[in-house]
Amino acid sequence: MSEGDKKIIGFIIGRQVGDEAEILNLAVMQAKRRKGEGGALLKAAMDEFRARQVSRVFLEIRESNERGAAFYAKHGFSKAGRRAGYYRDPEEAAIVMEEKLAG
């Protein structure tokens, strides 16, 4: 593949405040899902957070997003709470998930 043929197939956005971090968005092109790309992006972000001395990483997902909850649980996250009315269009609660990183 030449340099010009490369395409973005996914991305992850996170932020750090002090010793805590948050995954804001993780997306993978539909045709490339379930092939390890999302897990690779998440691992890279978690490795970077560890290098930055982050102790806990949080994220929110729609309460109805069972596939997302299973994905994050597979990668070490656990349910930490619920935020009623967090999402709009349609209105839905968010499940807060957390992973504690070894310090």
PDB file of N, CA and C in Angstrom:
ATOM      1  N   MET A   1       0.845  -1.170   0.000  1.00  0.00           N
ATOM      2  CA  MET A   1       0.000   0.000   0.000  1.00  0.00           C
ATOM      3  C   MET A   1       0.896   1.241   0.000  1.00  0.00           C
ATOM      4  N   SER A   2       0.592   2.162  -0.858  1.00  0.00           N
ATOM      5  CA  SER A   2       1.371   3.403  -0.885  1.00  0.00           C
ATOM      6  C   SER A   2       0.837   4.364   0.161  1.00  0.00           C
ATOM      7  N   GLU A   3       1.651   5.349   0.504  1.00  0.00           N
ATOM      8  CA  GLU A   3       1.269   6.348   1.505  1.00  0.00           C
ATOM      9  C   GLU A   3      -0.065   6.986   1.173  1.00  0.00           C
ATOM     10  N   GLY A   4      -0.321   7.244  -0.074  1.00  0.00           N
ATOM     11  CA  GLY A   4      -1.572   7.889  -0.485  1.00  0.00           C
ATOM     12  C   GLY A   4      -2.801   7.017  -0.331  1.00  0.00           C
ATOM     13  N   ASP A   5      -2.614   5.701  -0.188  1.00  0.00           N
ATOM     14  CA  ASP A   5      -3.739   4.782  -0.053  1.00  0.00           C
ATOM     15  C   ASP A   5      -4.227   4.636   1.383  1.00  0.00           C
ATOM     16  N   LYS A   6      -3.503   5.154   2.354  1.00  0.00           N
ATOM     17  CA  LYS A   6      -3.885   4.995   3.756  1.00  0.00           C
ATOM     18  C   LYS A   6      -5.154   5.785   4.048  1.00  0.00           C
ATOM     19  N   LYS A   7      -6.026   5.156   4.847  1.00  0.00           N
ATOM     20  CA  LYS A   7      -7.279   5.795   5.236  1.00  0.00           C
ATOM     21  C   LYS A   7      -7.456   5.655   6.732  1.00  0.00           C
ATOM     22  N   ILE A   8      -8.082   6.641   7.323  1.00  0.00           N
ATOM     23  CA  ILE A   8      -8.422   6.566   8.742  1.00  0.00           C
ATOM     24  C   ILE A   8      -9.608   5.630   8.878  1.00  0.00           C
ATOM     25  N   ILE A   9      -9.476   4.637   9.751  1.00  0.00           N
ATOM     26  CA  ILE A   9     -10.585   3.702   9.961  1.00  0.00           C
ATOM     27  C   ILE A   9     -11.185   3.829  11.356  1.00  0.00           C
ATOM     28  N   GLY A  10     -10.552   4.622  12.207  1.00  0.00           N
ATOM     29  CA  GLY A  10     -11.084   4.814  13.544  1.00  0.00           C
ATOM     30  C   GLY A  10     -10.312   5.884  14.283  1.00  0.00           C
ATOM     31  N   PHE A  11     -10.865   6.284  15.427  1.00  0.00           N
ATOM     32  CA  PHE A  11     -10.186   7.269  16.266  1.00  0.00           C
ATOM     33  C   PHE A  11     -10.657   7.125  17.700  1.00  0.00           C
ATOM     34  N   ILE A  12      -9.855   7.661  18.613  1.00  0.00           N
ATOM     35  CA  ILE A  12     -10.219   7.730  20.024  1.00  0.00           C
ATOM     36  C   ILE A  12      -9.856   9.111  20.529  1.00  0.00           C
ATOM     37  N   ILE A  13     -10.724   9.661  21.355  1.00  0.00           N
ATOM     38  CA  ILE A  13     -10.487  10.976  21.945  1.00  0.00           C
ATOM     39  C   ILE A  13     -10.605  10.827  23.456  1.00  0.00           C
ATOM     40  N   GLY A  14      -9.621  11.315  24.164  1.00  0.00           N
ATOM     41  CA  GLY A  14      -9.642  11.274  25.622  1.00  0.00           C
ATOM     42  C   GLY A  14      -9.056  12.550  26.177  1.00  0.00           C
ATOM     43  N   ARG A  15      -9.234  12.722  27.471  1.00  0.00           N
ATOM     44  CA  ARG A  15      -8.632  13.886  28.127  1.00  0.00           C
ATOM     45  C   ARG A  15      -8.229  13.492  29.540  1.00  0.00           C
ATOM     46  N   GLN A  16      -7.255  14.211  30.036  1.00  0.00           N
ATOM     47  CA  GLN A  16      -6.730  13.971  31.373  1.00  0.00           C
ATOM     48  C   GLN A  16      -6.847  15.233  32.196  1.00  0.00           C
ATOM     49  N   VAL A  17      -7.290  15.063  33.446  1.00  0.00           N
ATOM     50  CA  VAL A  17      -7.300  16.144  34.422  1.00  0.00           C
ATOM     51  C   VAL A  17      -6.676  15.575  35.689  1.00  0.00           C
ATOM     52  N   GLY A  18      -5.516  16.066  36.035  1.00  0.00           N
ATOM     53  CA  GLY A  18      -4.816  15.529  37.197  1.00  0.00           C
ATOM     54  C   GLY A  18      -4.464  14.074  36.972  1.00  0.00           C
ATOM     55  N   ASP A  19      -4.833  13.228  37.950  1.00  0.00           N
ATOM     56  CA  ASP A  19      -4.522  11.800  37.822  1.00  0.00           C
ATOM     57  C   ASP A  19      -5.717  10.982  37.350  1.00  0.00           C
ATOM     58  N   GLU A  20      -6.729  11.651  36.795  1.00  0.00           N
ATOM     59  CA  GLU A  20      -7.877  10.955  36.224  1.00  0.00           C
ATOM     60  C   GLU A  20      -8.015  11.313  34.745  1.00  0.00           C
ATOM     61  N   ALA A  21      -8.631  10.403  33.995  1.00  0.00           N
ATOM     62  CA  ALA A  21      -8.815  10.628  32.564  1.00  0.00           C
ATOM     63  C   ALA A  21     -10.202  10.154  32.166  1.00  0.00           C
ATOM     64  N   GLU A  22     -10.603  10.582  30.978  1.00  0.00           N
ATOM     65  CA  GLU A  22     -11.913  10.219  30.455  1.00  0.00           C
ATOM     66  C   GLU A  22     -11.788   9.913  28.970  1.00  0.00           C
ATOM     67  N   ILE A  23     -12.417   8.819  28.548  1.00  0.00           N
ATOM     68  CA  ILE A  23     -12.561   8.522  27.126  1.00  0.00           C
ATOM     69  C   ILE A  23     -13.810   9.250  26.670  1.00  0.00           C
ATOM     70  N   LEU A  24     -13.659  10.180  25.744  1.00  0.00           N
ATOM     71  CA  LEU A  24     -14.789  10.972  25.265  1.00  0.00           C
ATOM     72  C   LEU A  24     -15.479  10.332  24.067  1.00  0.00           C
ATOM     73  N   ASN A  25     -14.687   9.689  23.213  1.00  0.00           N
ATOM     74  CA  ASN A  25     -15.266   9.082  22.015  1.00  0.00           C
ATOM     75  C   ASN A  25     -14.308   8.037  21.462  1.00  0.00           C
ATOM     76  N   LEU A  26     -14.892   6.941  21.013  1.00  0.00           N
ATOM     77  CA  LEU A  26     -14.151   5.884  20.326  1.00  0.00           C
ATOM     78  C   LEU A  26     -15.020   5.449  19.164  1.00  0.00           C
ATOM     79  N   ALA A  27     -14.489   5.538  17.967  1.00  0.00           N
ATOM     80  CA  ALA A  27     -15.267   5.168  16.780  1.00  0.00           C
ATOM     81  C   ALA A  27     -14.389   4.394  15.813  1.00  0.00           C
ATOM     82  N   VAL A  28     -14.999   3.390  15.204  1.00  0.00           N
ATOM     83  CA  VAL A  28     -14.335   2.586  14.174  1.00  0.00           C
ATOM     84  C   VAL A  28     -15.309   2.449  13.015  1.00  0.00           C
ATOM     85  N   MET A  29     -14.799   2.612  11.813  1.00  0.00           N
ATOM     86  CA  MET A  29     -15.585   2.445  10.606  1.00  0.00           C
ATOM     87  C   MET A  29     -16.348   1.120  10.649  1.00  0.00           C
ATOM     88  N   GLN A  30     -17.611   1.139  10.276  1.00  0.00           N
ATOM     89  CA  GLN A  30     -18.443  -0.052  10.394  1.00  0.00           C
ATOM     90  C   GLN A  30     -17.828  -1.290   9.734  1.00  0.00           C
ATOM     91  N   ALA A  31     -17.252  -1.144   8.572  1.00  0.00           N
ATOM     92  CA  ALA A  31     -16.676  -2.290   7.852  1.00  0.00           C
ATOM     93  C   ALA A  31     -15.461  -2.883   8.570  1.00  0.00           C
ATOM     94  N   LYS A  32     -14.859  -2.141   9.490  1.00  0.00           N
ATOM     95  CA  LYS A  32     -13.653  -2.604  10.194  1.00  0.00           C
ATOM     96  C   LYS A  32     -13.933  -3.030  11.633  1.00  0.00           C
ATOM     97  N   ARG A  33     -15.192  -2.985  12.052  1.00  0.00           N
ATOM     98  CA  ARG A  33     -15.537  -3.350  13.427  1.00  0.00           C
ATOM     99  C   ARG A  33     -15.392  -4.846  13.653  1.00  0.00           C
ATOM    100  N   ARG A  34     -15.176  -5.197  14.921  1.00  0.00           N
ATOM    101  CA  ARG A  34     -15.067  -6.591  15.371  1.00  0.00           C
ATOM    102  C   ARG A  34     -13.840  -7.289  14.777  1.00  0.00           C
ATOM    103  N   LYS A  35     -12.803  -6.476  14.500  1.00  0.00           N
ATOM    104  CA  LYS A  35     -11.547  -7.015  13.969  1.00  0.00           C
ATOM    105  C   LYS A  35     -10.358  -6.587  14.828  1.00  0.00           C
ATOM    106  N   GLY A  36     -10.646  -6.062  16.013  1.00  0.00           N
ATOM    107  CA  GLY A  36      -9.582  -5.686  16.935  1.00  0.00           C
ATOM    108  C   GLY A  36      -9.129  -4.248  16.854  1.00  0.00           C
ATOM    109  N   GLU A  37      -9.667  -3.490  15.912  1.00  0.00           N
ATOM    110  CA  GLU A  37      -9.215  -2.099  15.745  1.00  0.00           C
ATOM    111  C   GLU A  37      -9.592  -1.232  16.949  1.00  0.00           C
ATOM    112  N   GLY A  38     -10.816  -1.370  17.432  1.00  0.00           N
ATOM    113  CA  GLY A  38     -11.254  -0.595  18.597  1.00  0.00           C
ATOM    114  C   GLY A  38     -10.443  -0.949  19.832  1.00  0.00           C
ATOM    115  N   GLY A  39     -10.195  -2.236  20.020  1.00  0.00           N
ATOM    116  CA  GLY A  39      -9.387  -2.669  21.154  1.00  0.00           C
ATOM    117  C   GLY A  39      -7.970  -2.129  21.075  1.00  0.00           C
ATOM    118  N   ALA A  40      -7.418  -2.075  19.872  1.00  0.00           N
ATOM    119  CA  ALA A  40      -6.063  -1.541  19.694  1.00  0.00           C
ATOM    120  C   ALA A  40      -6.019  -0.043  20.007  1.00  0.00           C
ATOM    121  N   LEU A  41      -7.043   0.685  19.583  1.00  0.00           N
ATOM    122  CA  LEU A  41      -7.109   2.119  19.892  1.00  0.00           C
ATOM    123  C   LEU A  41      -7.231   2.335  21.399  1.00  0.00           C
ATOM    124  N   LEU A  42      -8.113   1.557  22.032  1.00  0.00           N
ATOM    125  CA  LEU A  42      -8.305   1.685  23.474  1.00  0.00           C
ATOM    126  C   LEU A  42      -7.022   1.336  24.219  1.00  0.00           C
ATOM    127  N   LYS A  43      -6.346   0.277  23.825  1.00  0.00           N
ATOM    128  CA  LYS A  43      -5.093  -0.111  24.476  1.00  0.00           C
ATOM    129  C   LYS A  43      -4.046   0.993  24.352  1.00  0.00           C
ATOM    130  N   ALA A  44      -3.940   1.585  23.174  1.00  0.00           N
ATOM    131  CA  ALA A  44      -2.967   2.670  22.974  1.00  0.00           C
ATOM    132  C   ALA A  44      -3.273   3.850  23.896  1.00  0.00           C
ATOM    133  N   ALA A  45      -4.562   4.191  24.022  1.00  0.00           N
ATOM    134  CA  ALA A  45      -4.943   5.298  24.899  1.00  0.00           C
ATOM    135  C   ALA A  45      -4.648   4.953  26.359  1.00  0.00           C
ATOM    136  N   MET A  46      -4.963   3.732  26.764  1.00  0.00           N
ATOM    137  CA  MET A  46      -4.723   3.325  28.149  1.00  0.00           C
ATOM    138  C   MET A  46      -3.223   3.280  28.457  1.00  0.00           C
ATOM    139  N   ASP A  47      -2.426   2.833  27.502  1.00  0.00           N
ATOM    140  CA  ASP A  47      -0.968   2.849  27.679  1.00  0.00           C
ATOM    141  C   ASP A  47      -0.470   4.276  27.873  1.00  0.00           C
ATOM    142  N   GLU A  48      -1.003   5.203  27.089  1.00  0.00           N
ATOM    143  CA  GLU A  48      -0.603   6.608  27.228  1.00  0.00           C
ATOM    144  C   GLU A  48      -1.036   7.164  28.581  1.00  0.00           C
ATOM    145  N   PHE A  49      -2.252   6.838  29.017  1.00  0.00           N
ATOM    146  CA  PHE A  49      -2.711   7.302  30.333  1.00  0.00           C
ATOM    147  C   PHE A  49      -1.820   6.737  31.443  1.00  0.00           C
ATOM    148  N   ARG A  50      -1.440   5.475  31.345  1.00  0.00           N
ATOM    149  CA  ARG A  50      -0.539   4.888  32.353  1.00  0.00           C
ATOM    150  C   ARG A  50       0.786   5.635  32.382  1.00  0.00           C
ATOM    151  N   ALA A  51       1.318   5.924  31.209  1.00  0.00           N
ATOM    152  CA  ALA A  51       2.590   6.648  31.127  1.00  0.00           C
ATOM    153  C   ALA A  51       2.486   8.037  31.744  1.00  0.00           C
ATOM    154  N   ARG A  52       1.286   8.580  31.752  1.00  0.00           N
ATOM    155  CA  ARG A  52       1.045   9.909  32.324  1.00  0.00           C
ATOM    156  C   ARG A  52       0.606   9.841  33.786  1.00  0.00           C
ATOM    157  N   GLN A  53       0.745   8.677  34.388  1.00  0.00           N
ATOM    158  CA  GLN A  53       0.445   8.477  35.812  1.00  0.00           C
ATOM    159  C   GLN A  53      -1.040   8.633  36.159  1.00  0.00           C
ATOM    160  N   VAL A  54      -1.919   8.304  35.235  1.00  0.00           N
ATOM    161  CA  VAL A  54      -3.361   8.337  35.489  1.00  0.00           C
ATOM    162  C   VAL A  54      -3.714   7.141  36.367  1.00  0.00           C
ATOM    163  N   SER A  55      -4.575   7.374  37.360  1.00  0.00           N
ATOM    164  CA  SER A  55      -4.969   6.284  38.256  1.00  0.00           C
ATOM    165  C   SER A  55      -6.342   5.700  37.910  1.00  0.00           C
ATOM    166  N   ARG A  56      -7.216   6.504  37.297  1.00  0.00           N
ATOM    167  CA  ARG A  56      -8.558   6.016  36.944  1.00  0.00           C
ATOM    168  C   ARG A  56      -8.994   6.629  35.619  1.00  0.00           C
ATOM    169  N   VAL A  57      -9.668   5.816  34.814  1.00  0.00           N
ATOM    170  CA  VAL A  57     -10.195   6.269  33.521  1.00  0.00           C
ATOM    171  C   VAL A  57     -11.702   6.018  33.522  1.00  0.00           C
ATOM    172  N   PHE A  58     -12.457   7.027  33.117  1.00  0.00           N
ATOM    173  CA  PHE A  58     -13.915   6.951  33.079  1.00  0.00           C
ATOM    174  C   PHE A  58     -14.424   7.090  31.649  1.00  0.00           C
ATOM    175  N   LEU A  59     -15.656   6.661  31.445  1.00  0.00           N
ATOM    176  CA  LEU A  59     -16.369   6.908  30.192  1.00  0.00           C
ATOM    177  C   LEU A  59     -17.858   6.740  30.454  1.00  0.00           C
ATOM    178  N   GLU A  60     -18.670   7.267  29.550  1.00  0.00           N
ATOM    179  CA  GLU A  60     -20.116   7.074  29.614  1.00  0.00           C
ATOM    180  C   GLU A  60     -20.574   6.416  28.329  1.00  0.00           C
ATOM    181  N   ILE A  61     -21.557   5.528  28.456  1.00  0.00           N
ATOM    182  CA  ILE A  61     -22.204   4.926  27.293  1.00  0.00           C
ATOM    183  C   ILE A  61     -23.710   4.954  27.519  1.00  0.00           C
ATOM    184  N   ARG A  62     -24.455   4.929  26.432  1.00  0.00           N
ATOM    185  CA  ARG A  62     -25.913   4.852  26.554  1.00  0.00           C
ATOM    186  C   ARG A  62     -26.293   3.581  27.300  1.00  0.00           C
ATOM    187  N   GLU A  63     -27.298   3.691  28.130  1.00  0.00           N
ATOM    188  CA  GLU A  63     -27.750   2.549  28.910  1.00  0.00           C
ATOM    189  C   GLU A  63     -28.148   1.371  28.017  1.00  0.00           C
ATOM    190  N   SER A  64     -28.668   1.656  26.830  1.00  0.00           N
ATOM    191  CA  SER A  64     -29.098   0.601  25.907  1.00  0.00           C
ATOM    192  C   SER A  64     -27.944  -0.017  25.108  1.00  0.00           C
ATOM    193  N   ASN A  65     -26.742   0.509  25.242  1.00  0.00           N
ATOM    194  CA  ASN A  65     -25.597   0.062  24.448  1.00  0.00           C
ATOM    195  C   ASN A  65     -24.945  -1.169  25.077  1.00  0.00           C
ATOM    196  N   GLU A  66     -25.622  -2.308  24.959  1.00  0.00           N
ATOM    197  CA  GLU A  66     -25.114  -3.541  25.556  1.00  0.00           C
ATOM    198  C   GLU A  66     -23.810  -3.996  24.906  1.00  0.00           C
ATOM    199  N   ARG A  67     -23.705  -3.833  23.604  1.00  0.00           N
ATOM    200  CA  ARG A  67     -22.470  -4.221  22.902  1.00  0.00           C
ATOM    201  C   ARG A  67     -21.287  -3.380  23.389  1.00  0.00           C
ATOM    202  N   GLY A  68     -21.514  -2.077  23.543  1.00  0.00           N
ATOM    203  CA  GLY A  68     -20.459  -1.204  24.059  1.00  0.00           C
ATOM    204  C   GLY A  68     -20.063  -1.562  25.481  1.00  0.00           C
ATOM    205  N   ALA A  69     -21.053  -1.843  26.328  1.00  0.00           N
ATOM    206  CA  ALA A  69     -20.765  -2.230  27.715  1.00  0.00           C
ATOM    207  C   ALA A  69     -19.931  -3.506  27.746  1.00  0.00           C
ATOM    208  N   ALA A  70     -20.275  -4.470  26.899  1.00  0.00           N
ATOM    209  CA  ALA A  70     -19.528  -5.726  26.845  1.00  0.00           C
ATOM    210  C   ALA A  70     -18.102  -5.482  26.348  1.00  0.00           C
ATOM    211  N   PHE A  71     -17.941  -4.619  25.341  1.00  0.00           N
ATOM    212  CA  PHE A  71     -16.616  -4.286  24.812  1.00  0.00           C
ATOM    213  C   PHE A  71     -15.737  -3.704  25.913  1.00  0.00           C
ATOM    214  N   TYR A  72     -16.252  -2.691  26.622  1.00  0.00           N
ATOM    215  CA  TYR A  72     -15.447  -2.051  27.657  1.00  0.00           C
ATOM    216  C   TYR A  72     -15.190  -2.985  28.834  1.00  0.00           C
ATOM    217  N   ALA A  73     -16.168  -3.820  29.201  1.00  0.00           N
ATOM    218  CA  ALA A  73     -15.957  -4.792  30.277  1.00  0.00           C
ATOM    219  C   ALA A  73     -14.845  -5.770  29.900  1.00  0.00           C
ATOM    220  N   LYS A  74     -14.832  -6.186  28.646  1.00  0.00           N
ATOM    221  CA  LYS A  74     -13.786  -7.091  28.145  1.00  0.00           C
ATOM    222  C   LYS A  74     -12.400  -6.463  28.294  1.00  0.00           C
ATOM    223  N   HIS A  75     -12.348  -5.130  28.244  1.00  0.00           N
ATOM    224  CA  HIS A  75     -11.083  -4.409  28.326  1.00  0.00           C
ATOM    225  C   HIS A  75     -10.815  -3.823  29.708  1.00  0.00           C
ATOM    226  N   GLY A  76     -11.500  -4.355  30.734  1.00  0.00           N
ATOM    227  CA  GLY A  76     -11.158  -3.999  32.113  1.00  0.00           C
ATOM    228  C   GLY A  76     -12.020  -2.959  32.785  1.00  0.00           C
ATOM    229  N   PHE A  77     -13.003  -2.405  32.095  1.00  0.00           N
ATOM    230  CA  PHE A  77     -13.872  -1.402  32.706  1.00  0.00           C
ATOM    231  C   PHE A  77     -15.015  -2.084  33.456  1.00  0.00           C
ATOM    232  N   SER A  78     -15.493  -1.442  34.504  1.00  0.00           N
ATOM    233  CA  SER A  78     -16.659  -1.941  35.233  1.00  0.00           C
ATOM    234  C   SER A  78     -17.644  -0.791  35.433  1.00  0.00           C
ATOM    235  N   LYS A  79     -18.899  -1.141  35.639  1.00  0.00           N
ATOM    236  CA  LYS A  79     -19.936  -0.129  35.844  1.00  0.00           C
ATOM    237  C   LYS A  79     -19.710   0.560  37.177  1.00  0.00           C
ATOM    238  N   ALA A  80     -19.741   1.894  37.145  1.00  0.00           N
ATOM    239  CA  ALA A  80     -19.470   2.671  38.352  1.00  0.00           C
ATOM    240  C   ALA A  80     -20.643   3.571  38.740  1.00  0.00           C
ATOM    241  N   GLY A  81     -21.626   3.700  37.870  1.00  0.00           N
ATOM    242  CA  GLY A  81     -22.752   4.570  38.193  1.00  0.00           C
ATOM    243  C   GLY A  81     -23.677   4.751  37.008  1.00  0.00           C
ATOM    244  N   ARG A  82     -24.676   5.593  37.208  1.00  0.00           N
ATOM    245  CA  ARG A  82     -25.693   5.863  36.187  1.00  0.00           C
ATOM    246  C   ARG A  82     -26.056   7.339  36.253  1.00  0.00           C
ATOM    247  N   ARG A  83     -26.219   7.970  35.102  1.00  0.00           N
ATOM    248  CA  ARG A  83     -26.615   9.376  35.025  1.00  0.00           C
ATOM    249  C   ARG A  83     -27.928   9.468  34.249  1.00  0.00           C
ATOM    250  N   ALA A  84     -29.003   9.723  34.952  1.00  0.00           N
ATOM    251  CA  ALA A  84     -30.324   9.818  34.322  1.00  0.00           C
ATOM    252  C   ALA A  84     -30.370  10.999  33.368  1.00  0.00           C
ATOM    253  N   GLY A  85     -31.016  10.815  32.218  1.00  0.00           N
ATOM    254  CA  GLY A  85     -31.221  11.902  31.261  1.00  0.00           C
ATOM    255  C   GLY A  85     -29.960  12.492  30.670  1.00  0.00           C
ATOM    256  N   TYR A  86     -28.881  11.759  30.653  1.00  0.00           N
ATOM    257  CA  TYR A  86     -27.590  12.276  30.177  1.00  0.00           C
ATOM    258  C   TYR A  86     -27.592  12.532  28.678  1.00  0.00           C
ATOM    259  N   TYR A  87     -28.181  11.634  27.910  1.00  0.00           N
ATOM    260  CA  TYR A  87     -28.203  11.751  26.452  1.00  0.00           C
ATOM    261  C   TYR A  87     -29.508  12.366  25.973  1.00  0.00           C
ATOM    262  N   ARG A  88     -29.469  12.984  24.806  1.00  0.00           N
ATOM    263  CA  ARG A  88     -30.643  13.566  24.148  1.00  0.00           C
ATOM    264  C   ARG A  88     -30.816  12.916  22.782  1.00  0.00           C
ATOM    265  N   ASP A  89     -32.001  13.013  22.252  1.00  0.00           N
ATOM    266  CA  ASP A  89     -32.312  12.551  20.884  1.00  0.00           C
ATOM    267  C   ASP A  89     -31.948  11.106  20.628  1.00  0.00           C
ATOM    268  N   PRO A  90     -32.516  10.136  21.231  1.00  0.00           N
ATOM    269  CA  PRO A  90     -33.548  10.231  22.268  1.00  0.00           C
ATOM    270  C   PRO A  90     -32.931  10.365  23.660  1.00  0.00           C
ATOM    271  N   GLU A  91     -33.743  10.859  24.580  1.00  0.00           N
ATOM    272  CA  GLU A  91     -33.282  10.990  25.955  1.00  0.00           C
ATOM    273  C   GLU A  91     -33.038   9.598  26.535  1.00  0.00           C
ATOM    274  N   GLU A  92     -31.911   9.463  27.198  1.00  0.00           N
ATOM    275  CA  GLU A  92     -31.559   8.165  27.768  1.00  0.00           C
ATOM    276  C   GLU A  92     -30.509   8.362  28.860  1.00  0.00           C
ATOM    277  N   ALA A  93     -30.516   7.475  29.823  1.00  0.00           N
ATOM    278  CA  ALA A  93     -29.514   7.494  30.885  1.00  0.00           C
ATOM    279  C   ALA A  93     -28.165   7.025  30.343  1.00  0.00           C
ATOM    280  N   ALA A  94     -27.121   7.454  31.026  1.00  0.00           N
ATOM    281  CA  ALA A  94     -25.771   6.987  30.716  1.00  0.00           C
ATOM    282  C   ALA A  94     -25.306   6.048  31.811  1.00  0.00           C
ATOM    283  N   ILE A  95     -24.580   5.027  31.427  1.00  0.00           N
ATOM    284  CA  ILE A  95     -23.883   4.176  32.370  1.00  0.00           C
ATOM    285  C   ILE A  95     -22.442   4.685  32.439  1.00  0.00           C
ATOM    286  N   VAL A  96     -21.989   4.986  33.633  1.00  0.00           N
ATOM    287  CA  VAL A  96     -20.608   5.418  33.838  1.00  0.00           C
ATOM    288  C   VAL A  96     -19.784   4.164  34.090  1.00  0.00           C
ATOM    289  N   MET A  97     -18.699   4.052  33.349  1.00  0.00           N
ATOM    290  CA  MET A  97     -17.792   2.916  33.519  1.00  0.00           C
ATOM    291  C   MET A  97     -16.422   3.443  33.916  1.00  0.00           C
ATOM    292  N   GLU A  98     -15.688   2.624  34.652  1.00  0.00           N
ATOM    293  CA  GLU A  98     -14.390   3.044  35.180  1.00  0.00           C
ATOM    294  C   GLU A  98     -13.400   1.891  35.116  1.00  0.00           C
ATOM    295  N   GLU A  99     -12.152   2.236  34.876  1.00  0.00           N
ATOM    296  CA  GLU A  99     -11.060   1.283  35.014  1.00  0.00           C
ATOM    297  C   GLU A  99     -10.007   1.916  35.894  1.00  0.00           C
ATOM    298  N   LYS A 100      -9.616   1.202  36.938  1.00  0.00           N
ATOM    299  CA  LYS A 100      -8.544   1.665  37.819  1.00  0.00           C
ATOM    300  C   LYS A 100      -7.235   1.117  37.278  1.00  0.00           C
ATOM    301  N   LEU A 101      -6.273   1.998  37.139  1.00  0.00           N
ATOM    302  CA  LEU A 101      -4.971   1.607  36.600  1.00  0.00           C
ATOM    303  C   LEU A 101      -3.992   1.375  37.745  1.00  0.00           C
ATOM    304  N   ALA A 102      -3.172   0.364  37.596  1.00  0.00           N
ATOM    305  CA  ALA A 102      -2.163   0.069  38.601  1.00  0.00           C
ATOM    306  C   ALA A 102      -1.162   1.205  38.683  1.00  0.00           C
ATOM    307  N   GLY A 103      -0.858   1.623  39.871  1.00  0.00           N
ATOM    308  CA  GLY A 103       0.067   2.743  40.042  1.00  0.00           C
ATOM    309  C   GLY A 103       1.352   2.277  40.467  1.00  0.00           C
TER     310      GLY A 103
END
